[in-house]
N, C-alpha and C. Protein backbone atom coordinates (compact mmCIF):
# COMPACT_ATOMS: atom_id res chain seq x y z
N MET A 1 -30.61 -22.99 43.96
CA MET A 1 -30.83 -23.87 42.82
C MET A 1 -30.14 -23.26 41.60
N TRP A 2 -29.61 -24.12 40.76
CA TRP A 2 -28.80 -23.70 39.62
C TRP A 2 -29.28 -24.36 38.33
N TYR A 3 -29.21 -23.60 37.25
CA TYR A 3 -29.52 -24.10 35.90
C TYR A 3 -28.24 -24.13 35.09
N SER A 4 -28.03 -25.18 34.33
CA SER A 4 -26.85 -25.32 33.49
C SER A 4 -27.15 -24.82 32.08
N VAL A 5 -26.18 -24.08 31.53
CA VAL A 5 -26.27 -23.54 30.18
C VAL A 5 -24.92 -23.80 29.51
N VAL A 6 -24.95 -24.20 28.25
CA VAL A 6 -23.73 -24.39 27.48
C VAL A 6 -23.77 -23.45 26.28
N ILE A 7 -22.67 -22.75 26.07
CA ILE A 7 -22.52 -21.88 24.90
C ILE A 7 -21.30 -22.39 24.15
N PHE A 8 -21.45 -22.57 22.83
CA PHE A 8 -20.30 -23.04 22.05
C PHE A 8 -20.29 -22.43 20.66
N THR A 9 -19.11 -22.46 20.07
CA THR A 9 -18.96 -22.08 18.67
C THR A 9 -18.37 -23.28 17.93
N ALA A 10 -18.81 -23.43 16.68
CA ALA A 10 -18.31 -24.51 15.83
C ALA A 10 -17.97 -23.91 14.47
N MET A 11 -17.14 -24.58 13.72
CA MET A 11 -16.71 -24.08 12.42
C MET A 11 -17.91 -23.74 11.55
N GLY A 12 -17.99 -22.49 11.10
CA GLY A 12 -19.04 -22.08 10.19
C GLY A 12 -20.38 -21.76 10.84
N LEU A 13 -20.45 -21.81 12.15
CA LEU A 13 -21.70 -21.52 12.86
C LEU A 13 -21.52 -20.30 13.77
N PRO A 14 -22.59 -19.55 13.99
CA PRO A 14 -22.52 -18.51 15.02
C PRO A 14 -22.55 -19.18 16.39
N MET A 15 -22.45 -18.38 17.44
CA MET A 15 -22.53 -18.93 18.79
C MET A 15 -23.87 -19.62 19.01
N VAL A 16 -23.83 -20.76 19.70
CA VAL A 16 -25.04 -21.55 19.97
C VAL A 16 -25.18 -21.68 21.49
N GLN A 17 -26.40 -21.51 21.98
CA GLN A 17 -26.68 -21.69 23.41
C GLN A 17 -27.63 -22.86 23.58
N ILE A 18 -27.30 -23.74 24.51
CA ILE A 18 -28.16 -24.88 24.84
C ILE A 18 -28.51 -24.78 26.32
N ASP A 19 -29.79 -24.74 26.62
CA ASP A 19 -30.26 -24.70 28.00
C ASP A 19 -30.60 -26.11 28.45
N ASP A 20 -30.13 -26.47 29.62
CA ASP A 20 -30.39 -27.80 30.18
C ASP A 20 -31.88 -27.96 30.48
N GLN A 21 -32.42 -29.11 30.15
CA GLN A 21 -33.83 -29.40 30.40
C GLN A 21 -34.02 -30.33 31.60
N ARG A 22 -32.93 -30.72 32.26
CA ARG A 22 -33.03 -31.67 33.37
C ARG A 22 -32.99 -30.99 34.74
N GLY A 23 -32.41 -29.79 34.82
CA GLY A 23 -32.20 -29.09 36.10
C GLY A 23 -33.49 -28.54 36.65
N PRO A 24 -33.45 -27.80 37.69
CA PRO A 24 -32.29 -27.20 38.34
C PRO A 24 -31.57 -28.16 39.29
N TYR A 25 -30.36 -27.74 39.69
CA TYR A 25 -29.52 -28.53 40.58
C TYR A 25 -29.32 -27.78 41.88
N SER A 26 -29.32 -28.51 42.98
CA SER A 26 -29.22 -27.87 44.29
C SER A 26 -27.79 -27.47 44.64
N HIS A 27 -26.80 -28.13 44.04
CA HIS A 27 -25.40 -27.82 44.35
C HIS A 27 -24.66 -27.41 43.07
N LEU A 28 -23.82 -26.40 43.20
CA LEU A 28 -23.08 -25.87 42.06
C LEU A 28 -22.22 -26.92 41.35
N PRO A 29 -21.48 -27.78 42.08
CA PRO A 29 -20.70 -28.81 41.37
C PRO A 29 -21.56 -29.73 40.50
N GLN A 30 -22.77 -30.06 40.94
CA GLN A 30 -23.68 -30.88 40.12
C GLN A 30 -24.03 -30.14 38.83
N CYS A 31 -24.24 -28.84 38.94
CA CYS A 31 -24.59 -28.04 37.77
C CYS A 31 -23.45 -28.06 36.74
N TYR A 32 -22.21 -27.85 37.20
CA TYR A 32 -21.07 -27.86 36.27
C TYR A 32 -20.82 -29.26 35.72
N GLN A 33 -21.08 -30.29 36.51
CA GLN A 33 -20.96 -31.67 36.01
C GLN A 33 -21.93 -31.88 34.85
N ARG A 34 -23.16 -31.41 35.02
CA ARG A 34 -24.16 -31.52 33.95
C ARG A 34 -23.70 -30.75 32.72
N GLY A 35 -23.13 -29.57 32.92
CA GLY A 35 -22.60 -28.79 31.79
C GLY A 35 -21.53 -29.56 31.03
N SER A 36 -20.66 -30.26 31.75
CA SER A 36 -19.62 -31.04 31.08
C SER A 36 -20.21 -32.19 30.28
N VAL A 37 -21.27 -32.80 30.79
CA VAL A 37 -21.95 -33.88 30.06
C VAL A 37 -22.59 -33.30 28.79
N MET A 38 -23.20 -32.13 28.90
CA MET A 38 -23.82 -31.50 27.73
C MET A 38 -22.77 -31.17 26.66
N ILE A 39 -21.61 -30.67 27.08
CA ILE A 39 -20.54 -30.38 26.12
C ILE A 39 -20.09 -31.66 25.44
N ASN A 40 -19.89 -32.72 26.20
CA ASN A 40 -19.50 -34.00 25.62
C ASN A 40 -20.54 -34.49 24.61
N ASP A 41 -21.82 -34.32 24.94
CA ASP A 41 -22.88 -34.73 24.02
C ASP A 41 -22.82 -33.96 22.71
N VAL A 42 -22.55 -32.65 22.79
CA VAL A 42 -22.43 -31.82 21.58
C VAL A 42 -21.27 -32.31 20.72
N ILE A 43 -20.14 -32.54 21.35
CA ILE A 43 -18.93 -32.91 20.61
C ILE A 43 -19.06 -34.29 19.98
N THR A 44 -19.67 -35.23 20.68
CA THR A 44 -19.72 -36.61 20.18
C THR A 44 -20.98 -36.92 19.35
N SER A 45 -21.92 -35.99 19.28
CA SER A 45 -23.19 -36.27 18.59
C SER A 45 -23.04 -36.38 17.08
N GLY A 46 -22.05 -35.69 16.51
CA GLY A 46 -21.91 -35.67 15.05
C GLY A 46 -22.90 -34.74 14.38
N LYS A 47 -23.70 -33.99 15.13
CA LYS A 47 -24.70 -33.07 14.56
C LYS A 47 -24.12 -31.70 14.26
N PHE A 48 -22.92 -31.43 14.74
CA PHE A 48 -22.31 -30.11 14.56
C PHE A 48 -20.95 -30.26 13.92
N PRO A 49 -20.51 -29.21 13.19
CA PRO A 49 -19.13 -29.22 12.69
C PRO A 49 -18.16 -29.19 13.88
N PRO A 50 -16.85 -29.27 13.61
CA PRO A 50 -15.90 -29.28 14.73
C PRO A 50 -16.10 -28.08 15.67
N VAL A 51 -16.16 -28.38 16.95
CA VAL A 51 -16.37 -27.35 17.98
C VAL A 51 -15.05 -26.64 18.24
N ILE A 52 -15.10 -25.31 18.21
CA ILE A 52 -13.91 -24.50 18.44
C ILE A 52 -13.76 -24.17 19.92
N HIS A 53 -14.86 -23.81 20.56
CA HIS A 53 -14.83 -23.45 21.98
C HIS A 53 -16.18 -23.79 22.60
N ALA A 54 -16.15 -24.28 23.84
CA ALA A 54 -17.39 -24.56 24.57
C ALA A 54 -17.22 -24.09 26.00
N GLN A 55 -18.29 -23.55 26.56
CA GLN A 55 -18.27 -23.03 27.93
C GLN A 55 -19.53 -23.45 28.65
N ALA A 56 -19.39 -24.03 29.84
CA ALA A 56 -20.54 -24.36 30.68
C ALA A 56 -20.71 -23.25 31.70
N LEU A 57 -21.94 -22.81 31.87
CA LEU A 57 -22.27 -21.78 32.84
C LEU A 57 -23.36 -22.30 33.76
N CYS A 58 -23.36 -21.81 34.98
CA CYS A 58 -24.43 -22.15 35.91
C CYS A 58 -25.10 -20.85 36.35
N ILE A 59 -26.40 -20.80 36.15
CA ILE A 59 -27.19 -19.60 36.41
C ILE A 59 -28.02 -19.82 37.67
N ASP A 60 -27.95 -18.86 38.58
CA ASP A 60 -28.74 -18.90 39.82
C ASP A 60 -30.21 -18.80 39.45
N SER A 61 -31.01 -19.74 39.91
CA SER A 61 -32.43 -19.77 39.54
C SER A 61 -33.18 -18.53 40.00
N GLU A 62 -32.70 -17.87 41.04
CA GLU A 62 -33.35 -16.65 41.51
C GLU A 62 -33.12 -15.48 40.57
N LYS A 63 -32.08 -15.56 39.74
CA LYS A 63 -31.75 -14.48 38.83
C LYS A 63 -32.11 -14.80 37.37
N LYS A 64 -32.58 -16.02 37.12
CA LYS A 64 -32.91 -16.44 35.76
C LYS A 64 -34.18 -15.75 35.28
N GLU A 65 -34.11 -15.18 34.08
CA GLU A 65 -35.28 -14.53 33.49
C GLU A 65 -36.05 -15.56 32.67
N VAL A 66 -37.35 -15.53 32.81
CA VAL A 66 -38.20 -16.43 32.05
C VAL A 66 -38.69 -15.68 30.82
N PRO A 67 -38.42 -16.21 29.59
CA PRO A 67 -38.87 -15.52 28.38
C PRO A 67 -40.38 -15.29 28.39
N GLY A 68 -40.78 -14.09 28.03
CA GLY A 68 -42.20 -13.77 27.94
C GLY A 68 -42.82 -13.30 29.23
N LYS A 69 -42.05 -13.37 30.32
CA LYS A 69 -42.58 -12.93 31.62
C LYS A 69 -42.16 -11.49 31.84
N ASP A 70 -43.14 -10.62 32.10
CA ASP A 70 -42.84 -9.22 32.33
C ASP A 70 -42.22 -9.05 33.71
N ALA A 71 -41.23 -8.14 33.76
CA ALA A 71 -40.54 -7.90 35.04
C ALA A 71 -41.34 -6.99 35.94
């Protein structure tokens, strides 16, 4: 299972990370497809200044750390 994450930079902003709330996805191509949709949403939303760079990542659910959970 895979989780989609998008990291982007926009003019005047530090790096921003957006975690997908719809996943996880059973197949890696589905995960990257979702990442591309998330990037498109960021660019077309008008909520951010011009985007300089965007990257979609897929994280293996077995390796994903849950915030606040002790290892």
